[in-house]
C-alpha atoms as a PDB file:
ATOM      1  CA  UNK A   1      14.571 -11.278 -19.699  1.00  0.00           C
ATOM      2  CA  UNK A   2      13.671  -7.979 -21.319  1.00  0.00           C
ATOM      3  CA  UNK A   3      12.950  -5.199 -18.867  1.00  0.00           C
ATOM      4  CA  UNK A   4       9.285  -5.154 -19.944  1.00  0.00           C
ATOM      5  CA  UNK A   5       9.027  -8.853 -19.032  1.00  0.00           C
ATOM      6  CA  UNK A   6      10.376  -8.106 -15.563  1.00  0.00           C
ATOM      7  CA  UNK A   7       7.850  -5.295 -15.182  1.00  0.00           C
ATOM      8  CA  UNK A   8       4.996  -7.562 -16.228  1.00  0.00           C
ATOM      9  CA  UNK A   9       6.001 -10.244 -13.718  1.00  0.00           C
ATOM     10  CA  UNK A  10       6.162  -7.707 -10.890  1.00  0.00           C
ATOM     11  CA  UNK A  11       2.877  -6.160 -11.982  1.00  0.00           C
ATOM     12  CA  UNK A  12       1.059  -9.507 -11.972  1.00  0.00           C
ATOM     13  CA  UNK A  13       2.277 -10.268  -8.446  1.00  0.00           C
ATOM     14  CA  UNK A  14       1.381  -6.794  -7.194  1.00  0.00           C
ATOM     15  CA  UNK A  15      -2.094  -6.885  -8.740  1.00  0.00           C
ATOM     16  CA  UNK A  16      -2.855 -10.196  -7.064  1.00  0.00           C
ATOM     17  CA  UNK A  17      -1.698  -8.760  -3.751  1.00  0.00           C
ATOM     18  CA  UNK A  18      -3.950  -5.727  -4.125  1.00  0.00           C
ATOM     19  CA  UNK A  19      -6.983  -7.922  -4.846  1.00  0.00           C
ATOM     20  CA  UNK A  20      -6.299 -10.328  -2.000  1.00  0.00           C
ATOM     21  CA  UNK A  21      -9.108 -10.675   0.549  1.00  0.00           C
ATOM     22  CA  UNK A  22      -8.493  -9.368   4.074  1.00  0.00           C
ATOM     23  CA  UNK A  23      -6.527 -11.808   6.208  1.00  0.00           C
ATOM     24  CA  UNK A  24      -7.685 -12.909   9.652  1.00  0.00           C
ATOM     25  CA  UNK A  25      -4.935 -10.881  11.295  1.00  0.00           C
ATOM     26  CA  UNK A  26      -5.862  -7.906   9.144  1.00  0.00           C
ATOM     27  CA  UNK A  27      -9.467  -8.065  10.336  1.00  0.00           C
ATOM     28  CA  UNK A  28      -8.309  -8.275  13.957  1.00  0.00           C
ATOM     29  CA  UNK A  29      -5.957  -5.318  13.450  1.00  0.00           C
ATOM     30  CA  UNK A  30      -8.801  -3.242  12.026  1.00  0.00           C
ATOM     31  CA  UNK A  31     -10.982  -4.064  15.037  1.00  0.00           C
ATOM     32  CA  UNK A  32      -8.145  -3.133  17.365  1.00  0.00           C
ATOM     33  CA  UNK A  33      -7.673   0.169  15.569  1.00  0.00           C
ATOM     34  CA  UNK A  34     -11.380   0.929  15.880  1.00  0.00           C
ATOM     35  CA  UNK A  35     -11.142   0.354  19.623  1.00  0.00           C
ATOM     36  CA  UNK A  36      -8.052   2.504  19.937  1.00  0.00           C
ATOM     37  CA  UNK A  37      -9.792   5.323  18.084  1.00  0.00           C
ATOM     38  CA  UNK A  38     -12.344   5.506  20.897  1.00  0.00           C
ATOM     39  CA  UNK A  39      -9.674   6.213  23.532  1.00  0.00           C
ATOM     40  CA  UNK A  40      -7.428   8.592  21.580  1.00  0.00           C
ATOM     41  CA  UNK A  41      -8.047  12.188  22.762  1.00  0.00           C
ATOM     42  CA  UNK A  42     -10.290  14.166  20.448  1.00  0.00           C
ATOM     43  CA  UNK A  43      -7.631  16.879  20.127  1.00  0.00           C
ATOM     44  CA  UNK A  44      -5.228  14.357  18.579  1.00  0.00           C
ATOM     45  CA  UNK A  45      -7.917  13.152  16.171  1.00  0.00           C
ATOM     46  CA  UNK A  46      -8.596  16.718  15.099  1.00  0.00           C
ATOM     47  CA  UNK A  47      -4.906  17.471  14.620  1.00  0.00           C
ATOM     48  CA  UNK A  48      -4.385  14.474  12.321  1.00  0.00           C
ATOM     49  CA  UNK A  49      -7.640  15.101  10.463  1.00  0.00           C
ATOM     50  CA  UNK A  50      -6.856  18.787   9.852  1.00  0.00           C
ATOM     51  CA  UNK A  51      -3.329  17.974   8.637  1.00  0.00           C
ATOM     52  CA  UNK A  52      -4.630  15.435   6.124  1.00  0.00           C
ATOM     53  CA  UNK A  53      -7.476  17.680   4.961  1.00  0.00           C
ATOM     54  CA  UNK A  54      -5.135  20.629   4.422  1.00  0.00           C
ATOM     55  CA  UNK A  55      -2.717  18.471   2.447  1.00  0.00           C
ATOM     56  CA  UNK A  56      -5.549  17.017   0.339  1.00  0.00           C
ATOM     57  CA  UNK A  57      -6.991  20.419  -0.456  1.00  0.00           C
ATOM     58  CA  UNK A  58      -3.532  21.768  -1.318  1.00  0.00           C
ATOM     59  CA  UNK A  59      -2.985  18.916  -3.764  1.00  0.00           C
ATOM     60  CA  UNK A  60      -6.397  19.360  -5.373  1.00  0.00           C
ATOM     61  CA  UNK A  61      -6.143  23.109  -5.681  1.00  0.00           C
ATOM     62  CA  UNK A  62      -2.556  23.114  -6.898  1.00  0.00           C
ATOM     63  CA  UNK A  63      -1.172  24.990  -3.902  1.00  0.00           C
ATOM     64  CA  UNK A  64       2.257  24.324  -2.398  1.00  0.00           C
ATOM     65  CA  UNK A  65       3.113  21.332  -4.588  1.00  0.00           C
ATOM     66  CA  UNK A  66       5.055  21.688  -7.812  1.00  0.00           C
ATOM     67  CA  UNK A  67       6.892  19.247 -10.027  1.00  0.00           C
ATOM     68  CA  UNK A  68       9.360  19.190 -12.864  1.00  0.00           C
ATOM     69  CA  UNK A  69       8.246  19.128 -16.474  1.00  0.00           C
ATOM     70  CA  UNK A  70       6.961  15.685 -17.575  1.00  0.00           C
ATOM     71  CA  UNK A  71       9.687  13.411 -18.926  1.00  0.00           C
ATOM     72  CA  UNK A  72       8.871  12.723 -22.570  1.00  0.00           C
ATOM     73  CA  UNK A  73      10.249  10.082 -24.948  1.00  0.00           C
ATOM     74  CA  UNK A  74      12.224   7.958 -22.511  1.00  0.00           C
ATOM     75  CA  UNK A  75      12.486   4.184 -22.277  1.00  0.00           C
ATOM     76  CA  UNK A  76      10.625   2.558 -19.405  1.00  0.00           C
ATOM     77  CA  UNK A  77      13.827   1.269 -17.812  1.00  0.00           C
ATOM     78  CA  UNK A  78      15.348   4.755 -17.893  1.00  0.00           C
ATOM     79  CA  UNK A  79      12.244   6.241 -16.299  1.00  0.00           C
ATOM     80  CA  UNK A  80      12.125   3.664 -13.548  1.00  0.00           C
ATOM     81  CA  UNK A  81      15.806   3.942 -12.698  1.00  0.00           C
ATOM     82  CA  UNK A  82      15.185   7.641 -12.118  1.00  0.00           C
ATOM     83  CA  UNK A  83      12.032   6.854 -10.130  1.00  0.00           C
ATOM     84  CA  UNK A  84      13.960   4.487  -7.847  1.00  0.00           C
ATOM     85  CA  UNK A  85      16.532   7.196  -7.212  1.00  0.00           C
ATOM     86  CA  UNK A  86      13.817   9.642  -6.135  1.00  0.00           C
ATOM     87  CA  UNK A  87      12.147   7.041  -3.910  1.00  0.00           C
ATOM     88  CA  UNK A  88      15.493   6.374  -2.216  1.00  0.00           C
ATOM     89  CA  UNK A  89      16.098  10.101  -1.744  1.00  0.00           C
ATOM     90  CA  UNK A  90      12.691  10.787  -0.207  1.00  0.00           C
ATOM     91  CA  UNK A  91      12.795   7.579   1.849  1.00  0.00           C
ATOM     92  CA  UNK A  92      16.097   8.635   3.396  1.00  0.00           C
ATOM     93  CA  UNK A  93      14.833  12.170   3.941  1.00  0.00           C
ATOM     94  CA  UNK A  94      11.707  10.874   5.684  1.00  0.00           C
ATOM     95  CA  UNK A  95      13.787   8.480   7.804  1.00  0.00           C
ATOM     96  CA  UNK A  96      16.023  11.275   9.070  1.00  0.00           C
ATOM     97  CA  UNK A  97      13.066  13.570   9.653  1.00  0.00           C
ATOM     98  CA  UNK A  98      11.210  10.874  11.605  1.00  0.00           C
ATOM     99  CA  UNK A  99      14.225  10.184  13.828  1.00  0.00           C
ATOM    100  CA  UNK A 100      14.783  13.870  14.585  1.00  0.00           C
ATOM    101  CA  UNK A 101      11.162  14.703  15.372  1.00  0.00           C
ATOM    102  CA  UNK A 102      10.673  11.422  17.248  1.00  0.00           C
ATOM    103  CA  UNK A 103      13.565  12.286  19.547  1.00  0.00           C
ATOM    104  CA  UNK A 104      12.145  15.717  20.280  1.00  0.00           C
ATOM    105  CA  UNK A 105       9.166  14.735  22.389  1.00  0.00           C
ATOM    106  CA  UNK A 106       5.445  15.288  21.863  1.00  0.00           C
ATOM    107  CA  UNK A 107       5.557  18.698  20.182  1.00  0.00           C
ATOM    108  CA  UNK A 108       8.127  17.736  17.579  1.00  0.00           C
ATOM    109  CA  UNK A 109       6.453  14.347  17.213  1.00  0.00           C
ATOM    110  CA  UNK A 110       3.198  16.034  16.265  1.00  0.00           C
ATOM    111  CA  UNK A 111       5.082  18.339  13.899  1.00  0.00           C
ATOM    112  CA  UNK A 112       6.367  15.250  12.085  1.00  0.00           C
ATOM    113  CA  UNK A 113       2.918  14.362  10.773  1.00  0.00           C
ATOM    114  CA  UNK A 114       2.312  17.301   8.388  1.00  0.00           C
ATOM    115  CA  UNK A 115       6.018  17.458   7.443  1.00  0.00           C
ATOM    116  CA  UNK A 116       6.026  13.778   6.514  1.00  0.00           C
ATOM    117  CA  UNK A 117       2.812  14.193   4.514  1.00  0.00           C
ATOM    118  CA  UNK A 118       4.516  16.930   2.495  1.00  0.00           C
ATOM    119  CA  UNK A 119       7.576  14.759   1.832  1.00  0.00           C
ATOM    120  CA  UNK A 120       5.442  11.895   0.553  1.00  0.00           C
ATOM    121  CA  UNK A 121       3.297  14.071  -1.702  1.00  0.00           C
ATOM    122  CA  UNK A 122       6.360  15.797  -3.161  1.00  0.00           C
ATOM    123  CA  UNK A 123       7.751  12.355  -3.957  1.00  0.00           C
ATOM    124  CA  UNK A 124       4.534  11.373  -5.740  1.00  0.00           C
ATOM    125  CA  UNK A 125       4.581  14.542  -7.833  1.00  0.00           C
ATOM    126  CA  UNK A 126       8.146  13.838  -8.970  1.00  0.00           C
ATOM    127  CA  UNK A 127       7.330  10.208  -9.769  1.00  0.00           C
ATOM    128  CA  UNK A 128       4.343  11.325 -11.852  1.00  0.00           C
ATOM    129  CA  UNK A 129       6.539  13.697 -13.875  1.00  0.00           C
ATOM    130  CA  UNK A 130       9.088  10.929 -14.512  1.00  0.00           C
ATOM    131  CA  UNK A 131       6.289   8.780 -15.916  1.00  0.00           C
ATOM    132  CA  UNK A 132       5.417  11.627 -18.258  1.00  0.00           C
ATOM    133  CA  UNK A 133       2.319  12.868 -16.431  1.00  0.00           C
ATOM    134  CA  UNK A 134       1.402  16.542 -16.268  1.00  0.00           C
ATOM    135  CA  UNK A 135       0.324  17.169 -12.677  1.00  0.00           C
ATOM    136  CA  UNK A 136      -0.995  20.632 -13.537  1.00  0.00           C
ATOM    137  CA  UNK A 137      -4.042  18.632 -14.663  1.00  0.00           C
ATOM    138  CA  UNK A 138      -6.214  18.202 -11.580  1.00  0.00           C
ATOM    139  CA  UNK A 139      -7.238  14.674 -12.624  1.00  0.00           C
ATOM    140  CA  UNK A 140      -3.592  13.673 -12.431  1.00  0.00           C
ATOM    141  CA  UNK A 141      -3.518  15.128  -8.922  1.00  0.00           C
ATOM    142  CA  UNK A 142      -6.578  13.086  -8.038  1.00  0.00           C
ATOM    143  CA  UNK A 143      -4.787  10.020  -9.359  1.00  0.00           C
ATOM    144  CA  UNK A 144      -1.936  10.716  -6.930  1.00  0.00           C
ATOM    145  CA  UNK A 145      -4.415  10.945  -4.074  1.00  0.00           C
ATOM    146  CA  UNK A 146      -5.837   7.572  -5.105  1.00  0.00           C
ATOM    147  CA  UNK A 147      -2.305   6.130  -5.129  1.00  0.00           C
ATOM    148  CA  UNK A 148      -1.795   7.536  -1.651  1.00  0.00           C
ATOM    149  CA  UNK A 149      -5.121   6.089  -0.532  1.00  0.00           C
ATOM    150  CA  UNK A 150      -4.285   2.697  -2.014  1.00  0.00           C
ATOM    151  CA  UNK A 151      -1.036   2.562  -0.049  1.00  0.00           C
ATOM    152  CA  UNK A 152      -2.580   3.320   3.322  1.00  0.00           C
ATOM    153  CA  UNK A 153      -6.002   1.692   3.444  1.00  0.00           C
ATOM    154  CA  UNK A 154      -7.543  -1.372   5.015  1.00  0.00           C
ATOM    155  CA  UNK A 155      -7.773  -4.444   2.768  1.00  0.00           C
ATOM    156  CA  UNK A 156     -11.520  -3.963   2.311  1.00  0.00           C
ATOM    157  CA  UNK A 157     -11.256  -0.355   1.181  1.00  0.00           C
ATOM    158  CA  UNK A 158      -8.068  -1.071  -0.792  1.00  0.00           C
ATOM    159  CA  UNK A 159     -10.002  -3.274  -3.214  1.00  0.00           C
ATOM    160  CA  UNK A 160     -12.317  -0.383  -4.100  1.00  0.00           C
ATOM    161  CA  UNK A 161      -9.456   2.059  -4.644  1.00  0.00           C
ATOM    162  CA  UNK A 162      -7.501  -0.458  -6.705  1.00  0.00           C
ATOM    163  CA  UNK A 163     -10.480  -0.962  -9.007  1.00  0.00           C
ATOM    164  CA  UNK A 164     -10.524   2.791  -9.674  1.00  0.00           C
ATOM    165  CA  UNK A 165      -6.788   2.856 -10.446  1.00  0.00           C
ATOM    166  CA  UNK A 166      -6.971  -0.282 -12.578  1.00  0.00           C
ATOM    167  CA  UNK A 167      -9.687   1.356 -14.711  1.00  0.00           C
ATOM    168  CA  UNK A 168      -8.519   4.946 -14.367  1.00  0.00           C
ATOM    169  CA  UNK A 169      -9.235   6.204 -17.876  1.00  0.00           C
ATOM    170  CA  UNK A 170     -12.870   5.132 -17.600  1.00  0.00           C
ATOM    171  CA  UNK A 171     -13.204   6.035 -13.933  1.00  0.00           C
ATOM    172  CA  UNK A 172     -11.764   9.542 -14.313  1.00  0.00           C
ATOM    173  CA  UNK A 173     -14.265  10.445 -17.042  1.00  0.00           C
ATOM    174  CA  UNK A 174     -16.942  10.589 -14.354  1.00  0.00           C
ATOM    175  CA  UNK A 175     -15.234  13.512 -12.634  1.00  0.00           C
ATOM    176  CA  UNK A 176     -16.624  16.996 -13.171  1.00  0.00           C
ATOM    177  CA  UNK A 177     -14.211  19.753 -14.165  1.00  0.00           C
ATOM    178  CA  UNK A 178     -13.475  20.700 -10.561  1.00  0.00           C
ATOM    179  CA  UNK A 179     -11.898  19.125  -7.502  1.00  0.00           C
ATOM    180  CA  UNK A 180     -14.966  18.687  -5.320  1.00  0.00           C
ATOM    181  CA  UNK A 181     -15.526  15.091  -6.393  1.00  0.00           C
ATOM    182  CA  UNK A 182     -12.812  13.689  -4.150  1.00  0.00           C
ATOM    183  CA  UNK A 183     -13.994  12.042  -0.932  1.00  0.00           C
ATOM    184  CA  UNK A 184     -11.333  13.372   1.408  1.00  0.00           C
ATOM    185  CA  UNK A 185     -13.255  12.262   4.500  1.00  0.00           C
ATOM    186  CA  UNK A 186     -12.884   8.580   3.671  1.00  0.00           C
ATOM    187  CA  UNK A 187      -9.348   9.269   2.518  1.00  0.00           C
ATOM    188  CA  UNK A 188      -8.251  10.816   5.807  1.00  0.00           C
ATOM    189  CA  UNK A 189     -10.036   8.238   7.966  1.00  0.00           C
ATOM    190  CA  UNK A 190      -8.491   5.257   6.184  1.00  0.00           C
ATOM    191  CA  UNK A 191      -5.034   6.831   6.216  1.00  0.00           C
ATOM    192  CA  UNK A 192      -5.278   7.855   9.835  1.00  0.00           C
ATOM    193  CA  UNK A 193      -6.490   4.408  10.908  1.00  0.00           C
ATOM    194  CA  UNK A 194      -3.637   2.793   9.004  1.00  0.00           C
ATOM    195  CA  UNK A 195      -0.839   4.681  10.725  1.00  0.00           C
ATOM    196  CA  UNK A 196      -2.313   5.899  14.034  1.00  0.00           C
ATOM    197  CA  UNK A 197      -0.654   3.289  16.268  1.00  0.00           C
ATOM    198  CA  UNK A 198       2.789   3.797  14.763  1.00  0.00           C
ATOM    199  CA  UNK A 199       2.582   7.566  14.924  1.00  0.00           C
ATOM    200  CA  UNK A 200       1.336   7.557  18.498  1.00  0.00           C
ATOM    201  CA  UNK A 201       4.271   5.336  19.499  1.00  0.00           C
ATOM    202  CA  UNK A 202       6.534   7.962  17.979  1.00  0.00           C
ATOM    203  CA  UNK A 203       5.379  10.340  20.707  1.00  0.00           C
ATOM    204  CA  UNK A 204       6.582   8.003  23.497  1.00  0.00           C
ATOM    205  CA  UNK A 205       9.817   9.273  25.126  1.00  0.00           C
ATOM    206  CA  UNK A 206      12.795   6.964  24.722  1.00  0.00           C
ATOM    207  CA  UNK A 207      11.548   5.062  21.679  1.00  0.00           C
ATOM    208  CA  UNK A 208      10.160   7.902  19.568  1.00  0.00           C
ATOM    209  CA  UNK A 209      13.310   8.387  17.475  1.00  0.00           C
ATOM    210  CA  UNK A 210      13.629   4.713  16.556  1.00  0.00           C
ATOM    211  CA  UNK A 211       9.919   4.356  15.819  1.00  0.00           C
ATOM    212  CA  UNK A 212       9.855   7.547  13.739  1.00  0.00           C
ATOM    213  CA  UNK A 213      12.816   6.465  11.626  1.00  0.00           C
ATOM    214  CA  UNK A 214      11.548   2.926  10.987  1.00  0.00           C
ATOM    215  CA  UNK A 215       7.942   3.918  10.281  1.00  0.00           C
ATOM    216  CA  UNK A 216       8.842   6.775   7.934  1.00  0.00           C
ATOM    217  CA  UNK A 217      11.382   4.593   6.099  1.00  0.00           C
ATOM    218  CA  UNK A 218       9.048   1.638   5.622  1.00  0.00           C
ATOM    219  CA  UNK A 219       5.889   3.529   4.693  1.00  0.00           C
ATOM    220  CA  UNK A 220       7.604   6.011   2.364  1.00  0.00           C
ATOM    221  CA  UNK A 221       9.149   3.124   0.436  1.00  0.00           C
ATOM    222  CA  UNK A 222       5.782   1.364   0.328  1.00  0.00           C
ATOM    223  CA  UNK A 223       4.179   4.470  -1.148  1.00  0.00           C
ATOM    224  CA  UNK A 224       6.920   4.705  -3.788  1.00  0.00           C
ATOM    225  CA  UNK A 225       6.460   1.079  -4.834  1.00  0.00           C
ATOM    226  CA  UNK A 226       2.688   1.493  -4.981  1.00  0.00           C
ATOM    227  CA  UNK A 227       3.130   4.551  -7.192  1.00  0.00           C
ATOM    228  CA  UNK A 228       5.453   2.683  -9.576  1.00  0.00           C
ATOM    229  CA  UNK A 229       3.002  -0.157 -10.075  1.00  0.00           C
ATOM    230  CA  UNK A 230       0.025   2.182 -10.357  1.00  0.00           C
ATOM    231  CA  UNK A 231       1.689   4.100 -13.181  1.00  0.00           C
ATOM    232  CA  UNK A 232       2.731   0.818 -14.783  1.00  0.00           C
ATOM    233  CA  UNK A 233      -0.933  -0.128 -14.994  1.00  0.00           C
ATOM    234  CA  UNK A 234      -1.642   3.060 -16.914  1.00  0.00           C
ATOM    235  CA  UNK A 235       1.305   2.381 -19.241  1.00  0.00           C
ATOM    236  CA  UNK A 236       0.202  -1.174 -19.900  1.00  0.00           C
ATOM    237  CA  UNK A 237      -1.528  -0.578 -23.237  1.00  0.00           C
ATOM    238  CA  UNK A 238       1.225   1.634 -24.638  1.00  0.00           C
ATOM    239  CA  UNK A 239       3.845  -0.967 -23.673  1.00  0.00           C
ATOM    240  CA  UNK A 240       1.869  -3.636 -25.570  1.00  0.00           C
ATOM    241  CA  UNK A 241       2.337  -6.041 -22.684  1.00  0.00           C
ATOM    242  CA  UNK A 242       0.283  -9.254 -22.531  1.00  0.00           C
ATOM    243  CA  UNK A 243      -2.935  -9.201 -20.570  1.00  0.00           C
ATOM    244  CA  UNK A 244      -2.575  -9.072 -16.820  1.00  0.00           C
ATOM    245  CA  UNK A 245      -4.696 -11.661 -14.987  1.00  0.00           C
END
């Protein structure tokens, strides 16, 4: 098979997964998370919320995050081989970071959260550049936040975010020429709900290192794969691939 045929097959399967209705277990998990949120100390909620808000604002305003020049005139297979290398690098970095901070008790465990956010966003910026996107454009930064949101949302909310990504060129035209259009409150709540249990387990002495390594490894790789398929959707027309059901 040509590489483009492989991409199309993977894209079809991924798109169907993104549009899948919430499973019974998924609904139960969401209810459980809602209950857990009521017993988590307010200080912990505020810490996570502030970390996510600060990261979101930094991305939107162009602070702290930089990326290489966009890769121009490269074959899709070449681009994606490079993308996979960067995902592997950042996945391994996040795994080591999660193990170290997880082994260090509550203070280092809390420190892991903003550090890990930074690792994941840096990875997204590099992936965007490898797909030829100029992240100095704030709409491209908003796209990365939507990719992030798509990766770490409940099934119900995921469908809404996927629709925006699947129709990005039309959807992004609604944005004003500033960054205030992004709903960071929903963004941070969905993300926090998605990973709260895992990150709280990372604070437990004795198992924190193992939990931190596994969670950071798995979720960083998930974010990388979501980014690849999201950018593939935007490349679809230029690749002249058949329609995606």
